[in-house]
Amino acid sequence: MKKRDIILIASILIVAAALFLVVELTKKDGAGVVVKVDGKEVAQYSLSENATYELNGGTNILVIEDGKAYLSDANCPDKLCVHQGKISRTGEVITCLPNKLTVTVFGAQESIDLVS
């Protein structure tokens, strides 16, 4: 490797890190989550109320706790959706591909009508 190659790679890494930081620091806390099954919206829940919901006929269990949402259980074989962890910032998503389910955090301006 030549000196210019190293400078180019370092420059790309610095720009990528700066863009990542800008995106992460500009995310806002979400107001609620929207649940979609097979691409169709089935429910919206507020992140301000602690609750547990059975989704998709009980195949997934959504828990909302302290302003964060996560799937505590799923009947899919690999349970990747359960291992995705807690989400609370606008645009974050939990996806369960075998059950065709997504849980997406939205901000206060994006939706007003929440189901409790």
N, C-alpha and C. Protein backbone atom coordinates (compact mmCIF):
# COMPACT_ATOMS: atom_id res chain seq x y z
N MET A 1 0.83 -1.18 0.00
CA MET A 1 0.00 0.00 0.00
C MET A 1 0.88 1.24 0.00
N LYS A 2 0.41 2.19 -0.75
CA LYS A 2 1.15 3.45 -0.82
C LYS A 2 0.57 4.45 0.17
N LYS A 3 1.35 5.49 0.40
CA LYS A 3 0.95 6.52 1.35
C LYS A 3 -0.38 7.16 0.97
N ARG A 4 -0.60 7.39 -0.32
CA ARG A 4 -1.84 8.01 -0.78
C ARG A 4 -3.04 7.09 -0.55
N ASP A 5 -2.84 5.79 -0.69
CA ASP A 5 -3.92 4.84 -0.42
C ASP A 5 -4.35 4.91 1.04
N ILE A 6 -3.39 4.98 1.92
CA ILE A 6 -3.69 5.07 3.36
C ILE A 6 -4.41 6.37 3.67
N ILE A 7 -3.98 7.46 3.07
CA ILE A 7 -4.64 8.76 3.28
C ILE A 7 -6.08 8.71 2.77
N LEU A 8 -6.30 8.09 1.62
CA LEU A 8 -7.64 7.98 1.06
C LEU A 8 -8.55 7.14 1.98
N ILE A 9 -8.06 6.01 2.43
CA ILE A 9 -8.85 5.15 3.31
C ILE A 9 -9.16 5.85 4.62
N ALA A 10 -8.17 6.53 5.19
CA ALA A 10 -8.39 7.26 6.44
C ALA A 10 -9.41 8.38 6.25
N SER A 11 -9.35 9.08 5.13
CA SER A 11 -10.31 10.15 4.85
C SER A 11 -11.73 9.61 4.73
N ILE A 12 -11.88 8.49 4.04
CA ILE A 12 -13.21 7.87 3.90
C ILE A 12 -13.75 7.44 5.25
N LEU A 13 -12.90 6.86 6.09
CA LEU A 13 -13.34 6.44 7.42
C LEU A 13 -13.75 7.63 8.29
N ILE A 14 -13.02 8.72 8.20
CA ILE A 14 -13.34 9.92 8.99
C ILE A 14 -14.68 10.51 8.53
N VAL A 15 -14.89 10.59 7.23
CA VAL A 15 -16.16 11.11 6.71
C VAL A 15 -17.32 10.21 7.12
N ALA A 16 -17.12 8.89 7.02
CA ALA A 16 -18.18 7.95 7.41
C ALA A 16 -18.51 8.07 8.89
N ALA A 17 -17.50 8.20 9.73
CA ALA A 17 -17.72 8.35 11.17
C ALA A 17 -18.45 9.66 11.47
N ALA A 18 -18.08 10.73 10.79
CA ALA A 18 -18.74 12.02 11.00
C ALA A 18 -20.20 11.95 10.58
N LEU A 19 -20.50 11.33 9.45
CA LEU A 19 -21.89 11.18 9.01
C LEU A 19 -22.69 10.33 9.99
N PHE A 20 -22.10 9.27 10.48
CA PHE A 20 -22.76 8.41 11.46
C PHE A 20 -23.11 9.20 12.72
N LEU A 21 -22.17 9.99 13.21
CA LEU A 21 -22.41 10.80 14.41
C LEU A 21 -23.51 11.82 14.18
N VAL A 22 -23.53 12.47 13.03
CA VAL A 22 -24.56 13.45 12.72
C VAL A 22 -25.93 12.79 12.73
N VAL A 23 -26.05 11.63 12.09
CA VAL A 23 -27.33 10.93 12.04
C VAL A 23 -27.77 10.50 13.43
N GLU A 24 -26.87 9.94 14.21
CA GLU A 24 -27.22 9.46 15.55
C GLU A 24 -27.57 10.61 16.50
N LEU A 25 -26.88 11.72 16.40
CA LEU A 25 -27.13 12.83 17.31
C LEU A 25 -28.38 13.63 16.94
N THR A 26 -28.86 13.51 15.72
CA THR A 26 -30.05 14.25 15.32
C THR A 26 -31.33 13.44 15.47
N LYS A 27 -31.22 12.17 15.83
CA LYS A 27 -32.43 11.37 16.07
C LYS A 27 -33.12 11.88 17.32
N LYS A 28 -34.45 11.88 17.28
CA LYS A 28 -35.22 12.36 18.43
C LYS A 28 -35.94 11.20 19.09
N ASP A 29 -36.26 11.38 20.37
CA ASP A 29 -37.03 10.37 21.07
C ASP A 29 -38.40 10.23 20.42
N GLY A 30 -38.86 9.00 20.32
CA GLY A 30 -40.13 8.73 19.67
C GLY A 30 -41.32 8.97 20.59
N ALA A 31 -42.50 9.13 19.97
CA ALA A 31 -43.73 9.30 20.72
C ALA A 31 -44.49 7.99 20.85
N GLY A 32 -44.31 7.13 19.86
CA GLY A 32 -45.04 5.87 19.86
C GLY A 32 -44.47 4.91 18.84
N VAL A 33 -45.12 3.75 18.74
CA VAL A 33 -44.70 2.75 17.75
C VAL A 33 -45.90 2.39 16.89
N VAL A 34 -45.61 2.09 15.64
CA VAL A 34 -46.63 1.59 14.72
C VAL A 34 -46.27 0.14 14.41
N VAL A 35 -47.26 -0.73 14.47
CA VAL A 35 -47.07 -2.15 14.23
C VAL A 35 -47.68 -2.49 12.88
N LYS A 36 -46.91 -3.14 12.03
CA LYS A 36 -47.40 -3.58 10.73
C LYS A 36 -47.21 -5.07 10.59
N VAL A 37 -48.22 -5.73 10.05
CA VAL A 37 -48.14 -7.16 9.74
C VAL A 37 -48.39 -7.30 8.25
N ASP A 38 -47.46 -7.92 7.57
CA ASP A 38 -47.54 -8.11 6.12
C ASP A 38 -47.72 -6.78 5.40
N GLY A 39 -47.07 -5.73 5.93
CA GLY A 39 -47.11 -4.41 5.30
C GLY A 39 -48.33 -3.58 5.62
N LYS A 40 -49.28 -4.11 6.37
CA LYS A 40 -50.50 -3.38 6.71
C LYS A 40 -50.46 -2.97 8.17
N GLU A 41 -50.76 -1.68 8.42
CA GLU A 41 -50.76 -1.18 9.79
C GLU A 41 -51.89 -1.83 10.58
N VAL A 42 -51.54 -2.41 11.73
CA VAL A 42 -52.55 -3.05 12.57
C VAL A 42 -52.74 -2.35 13.91
N ALA A 43 -51.76 -1.57 14.36
CA ALA A 43 -51.90 -0.90 15.66
C ALA A 43 -50.85 0.19 15.81
N GLN A 44 -51.16 1.13 16.70
CA GLN A 44 -50.21 2.14 17.16
C GLN A 44 -50.31 2.20 18.67
N TYR A 45 -49.15 2.32 19.32
CA TYR A 45 -49.12 2.38 20.77
C TYR A 45 -48.21 3.51 21.21
N SER A 46 -48.57 4.16 22.30
CA SER A 46 -47.76 5.24 22.86
C SER A 46 -46.58 4.66 23.63
N LEU A 47 -45.45 5.32 23.53
CA LEU A 47 -44.28 4.92 24.32
C LEU A 47 -44.34 5.47 25.74
N SER A 48 -45.31 6.32 26.02
CA SER A 48 -45.39 6.92 27.35
C SER A 48 -46.15 6.06 28.36
N GLU A 49 -46.80 4.99 27.89
CA GLU A 49 -47.56 4.12 28.79
C GLU A 49 -46.95 2.73 28.81
N ASN A 50 -46.60 2.24 29.98
CA ASN A 50 -46.07 0.89 30.11
C ASN A 50 -47.19 -0.12 29.87
N ALA A 51 -46.93 -1.09 28.99
CA ALA A 51 -47.95 -2.10 28.68
C ALA A 51 -47.30 -3.27 27.95
N THR A 52 -48.06 -4.37 27.84
CA THR A 52 -47.65 -5.55 27.10
C THR A 52 -48.77 -5.89 26.12
N TYR A 53 -48.40 -6.17 24.87
CA TYR A 53 -49.39 -6.45 23.83
C TYR A 53 -49.03 -7.75 23.11
N GLU A 54 -50.04 -8.56 22.85
CA GLU A 54 -49.88 -9.73 21.99
C GLU A 54 -50.11 -9.28 20.56
N LEU A 55 -49.15 -9.53 19.70
CA LEU A 55 -49.25 -9.11 18.30
C LEU A 55 -49.40 -10.31 17.38
N ASN A 56 -50.03 -10.07 16.25
CA ASN A 56 -50.11 -11.07 15.19
C ASN A 56 -50.69 -12.39 15.71
N GLY A 57 -51.79 -12.29 16.45
CA GLY A 57 -52.43 -13.49 16.97
C GLY A 57 -51.64 -14.17 18.08
N GLY A 58 -50.79 -13.44 18.75
CA GLY A 58 -50.01 -13.99 19.85
C GLY A 58 -48.65 -14.54 19.44
N THR A 59 -48.26 -14.38 18.17
CA THR A 59 -46.96 -14.89 17.73
C THR A 59 -45.80 -14.07 18.28
N ASN A 60 -46.06 -12.80 18.59
CA ASN A 60 -45.03 -11.92 19.13
C ASN A 60 -45.60 -11.18 20.34
N ILE A 61 -44.76 -10.92 21.32
CA ILE A 61 -45.16 -10.16 22.50
C ILE A 61 -44.36 -8.86 22.54
N LEU A 62 -45.08 -7.73 22.41
CA LEU A 62 -44.47 -6.40 22.46
C LEU A 62 -44.59 -5.85 23.87
N VAL A 63 -43.48 -5.38 24.41
CA VAL A 63 -43.47 -4.76 25.73
C VAL A 63 -43.02 -3.31 25.57
N ILE A 64 -43.79 -2.41 26.16
CA ILE A 64 -43.41 -1.00 26.21
C ILE A 64 -43.18 -0.66 27.67
N GLU A 65 -41.96 -0.19 27.95
CA GLU A 65 -41.53 0.02 29.32
C GLU A 65 -40.56 1.18 29.38
N ASP A 66 -40.84 2.16 30.21
CA ASP A 66 -39.96 3.32 30.41
C ASP A 66 -39.60 4.02 29.10
N GLY A 67 -40.57 4.15 28.20
CA GLY A 67 -40.35 4.86 26.95
C GLY A 67 -39.61 4.06 25.89
N LYS A 68 -39.45 2.77 26.09
CA LYS A 68 -38.76 1.92 25.13
C LYS A 68 -39.64 0.72 24.79
N ALA A 69 -39.53 0.26 23.55
CA ALA A 69 -40.31 -0.89 23.10
C ALA A 69 -39.37 -2.02 22.71
N TYR A 70 -39.80 -3.25 22.99
CA TYR A 70 -39.02 -4.41 22.58
C TYR A 70 -39.94 -5.62 22.49
N LEU A 71 -39.50 -6.62 21.73
CA LEU A 71 -40.23 -7.87 21.65
C LEU A 71 -39.64 -8.81 22.69
N SER A 72 -40.46 -9.24 23.63
CA SER A 72 -39.96 -10.10 24.70
C SER A 72 -40.02 -11.57 24.31
N ASP A 73 -40.90 -11.92 23.35
CA ASP A 73 -41.01 -13.31 22.93
C ASP A 73 -41.57 -13.37 21.53
N ALA A 74 -41.21 -14.44 20.82
CA ALA A 74 -41.71 -14.68 19.48
C ALA A 74 -41.68 -16.18 19.23
N ASN A 75 -42.54 -16.64 18.33
CA ASN A 75 -42.57 -18.07 18.05
C ASN A 75 -41.72 -18.46 16.84
N CYS A 76 -40.94 -17.54 16.33
CA CYS A 76 -40.06 -17.84 15.19
C CYS A 76 -38.86 -18.65 15.68
N PRO A 77 -38.24 -19.44 14.81
CA PRO A 77 -37.17 -20.35 15.25
C PRO A 77 -35.90 -19.66 15.74
N ASP A 78 -35.48 -18.58 15.11
CA ASP A 78 -34.20 -17.96 15.47
C ASP A 78 -34.33 -16.83 16.49
N LYS A 79 -35.51 -16.27 16.65
CA LYS A 79 -35.79 -15.20 17.62
C LYS A 79 -34.87 -13.98 17.45
N LEU A 80 -34.50 -13.67 16.21
CA LEU A 80 -33.66 -12.50 15.97
C LEU A 80 -34.38 -11.21 16.38
N CYS A 81 -35.69 -11.18 16.22
CA CYS A 81 -36.45 -9.99 16.60
C CYS A 81 -36.38 -9.73 18.10
N VAL A 82 -36.33 -10.78 18.89
CA VAL A 82 -36.23 -10.64 20.34
C VAL A 82 -34.85 -10.11 20.72
N HIS A 83 -33.83 -10.53 19.98
CA HIS A 83 -32.45 -10.14 20.27
C HIS A 83 -32.08 -8.75 19.72
N GLN A 84 -32.99 -8.13 18.97
CA GLN A 84 -32.69 -6.80 18.43
C GLN A 84 -32.67 -5.73 19.51
N GLY A 85 -33.25 -6.01 20.65
CA GLY A 85 -33.16 -5.09 21.78
C GLY A 85 -34.25 -4.04 21.80
N LYS A 86 -34.03 -3.02 22.62
CA LYS A 86 -35.03 -1.97 22.85
C LYS A 86 -34.86 -0.84 21.85
N ILE A 87 -36.00 -0.29 21.42
CA ILE A 87 -36.00 0.85 20.51
C ILE A 87 -36.80 1.99 21.14
N SER A 88 -36.35 3.22 20.89
CA SER A 88 -37.04 4.38 21.46
C SER A 88 -36.87 5.65 20.63
N ARG A 89 -36.02 5.62 19.63
CA ARG A 89 -35.73 6.83 18.86
C ARG A 89 -36.39 6.76 17.49
N THR A 90 -36.82 7.89 17.00
CA THR A 90 -37.55 7.99 15.75
C THR A 90 -36.82 7.25 14.63
N GLY A 91 -37.56 6.39 13.94
CA GLY A 91 -37.02 5.66 12.80
C GLY A 91 -36.46 4.29 13.12
N GLU A 92 -36.27 3.96 14.38
CA GLU A 92 -35.75 2.64 14.74
C GLU A 92 -36.83 1.59 14.49
N VAL A 93 -36.39 0.39 14.09
CA VAL A 93 -37.33 -0.66 13.68
C VAL A 93 -36.89 -2.00 14.25
N ILE A 94 -37.88 -2.78 14.68
CA ILE A 94 -37.67 -4.20 14.99
C ILE A 94 -38.44 -4.97 13.92
N THR A 95 -37.79 -5.96 13.33
CA THR A 95 -38.41 -6.73 12.26
C THR A 95 -38.39 -8.22 12.60
N CYS A 96 -39.52 -8.88 12.40
CA CYS A 96 -39.62 -10.33 12.53
C CYS A 96 -40.04 -10.86 11.16
N LEU A 97 -39.07 -11.30 10.38
CA LEU A 97 -39.37 -11.75 9.02
C LEU A 97 -40.27 -12.98 8.96
N PRO A 98 -40.06 -14.02 9.78
CA PRO A 98 -40.93 -15.18 9.66
C PRO A 98 -42.41 -14.86 9.92
N ASN A 99 -42.67 -13.89 10.81
CA ASN A 99 -44.05 -13.52 11.12
C ASN A 99 -44.52 -12.29 10.36
N LYS A 100 -43.67 -11.76 9.45
CA LYS A 100 -43.99 -10.59 8.61
C LYS A 100 -44.43 -9.39 9.44
N LEU A 101 -43.72 -9.15 10.53
CA LEU A 101 -44.08 -8.11 11.49
C LEU A 101 -42.97 -7.07 11.59
N THR A 102 -43.37 -5.79 11.65
CA THR A 102 -42.41 -4.72 11.94
C THR A 102 -42.99 -3.82 13.02
N VAL A 103 -42.11 -3.32 13.88
CA VAL A 103 -42.46 -2.34 14.91
C VAL A 103 -41.54 -1.16 14.69
N THR A 104 -42.13 0.00 14.36
CA THR A 104 -41.35 1.18 13.99
C THR A 104 -41.68 2.34 14.92
N VAL A 105 -40.66 3.03 15.41
CA VAL A 105 -40.86 4.20 16.28
C VAL A 105 -41.12 5.42 15.41
N PHE A 106 -42.15 6.19 15.79
CA PHE A 106 -42.44 7.44 15.09
C PHE A 106 -42.38 8.60 16.06
N GLY A 107 -42.19 9.80 15.51
CA GLY A 107 -42.08 10.99 16.34
C GLY A 107 -43.43 11.64 16.59
N ALA A 108 -43.43 12.69 17.37
CA ALA A 108 -44.67 13.37 17.77
C ALA A 108 -45.40 13.99 16.60
N GLN A 109 -44.69 14.52 15.61
CA GLN A 109 -45.35 15.17 14.48
C GLN A 109 -45.90 14.17 13.47
N GLU A 110 -45.43 12.94 13.47
CA GLU A 110 -45.80 11.98 12.45
C GLU A 110 -47.19 11.40 12.65
N SER A 111 -47.65 11.30 13.88
CA SER A 111 -48.97 10.74 14.14
C SER A 111 -49.52 11.33 15.42
N ILE A 112 -50.82 11.53 15.44
CA ILE A 112 -51.46 12.09 16.61
C ILE A 112 -52.36 11.08 17.28
N ASP A 113 -53.00 10.23 16.50
CA ASP A 113 -54.00 9.30 16.99
C ASP A 113 -53.34 8.02 17.49
N LEU A 114 -53.27 7.84 18.82
CA LEU A 114 -52.65 6.66 19.40
C LEU A 114 -53.68 5.77 20.04
N VAL A 115 -53.49 4.46 19.91
CA VAL A 115 -54.38 3.49 20.53
C VAL A 115 -53.77 3.04 21.84
N SER A 116 -54.53 3.05 22.88
CA SER A 116 -54.02 2.63 24.19
C SER A 116 -54.26 1.17 24.41
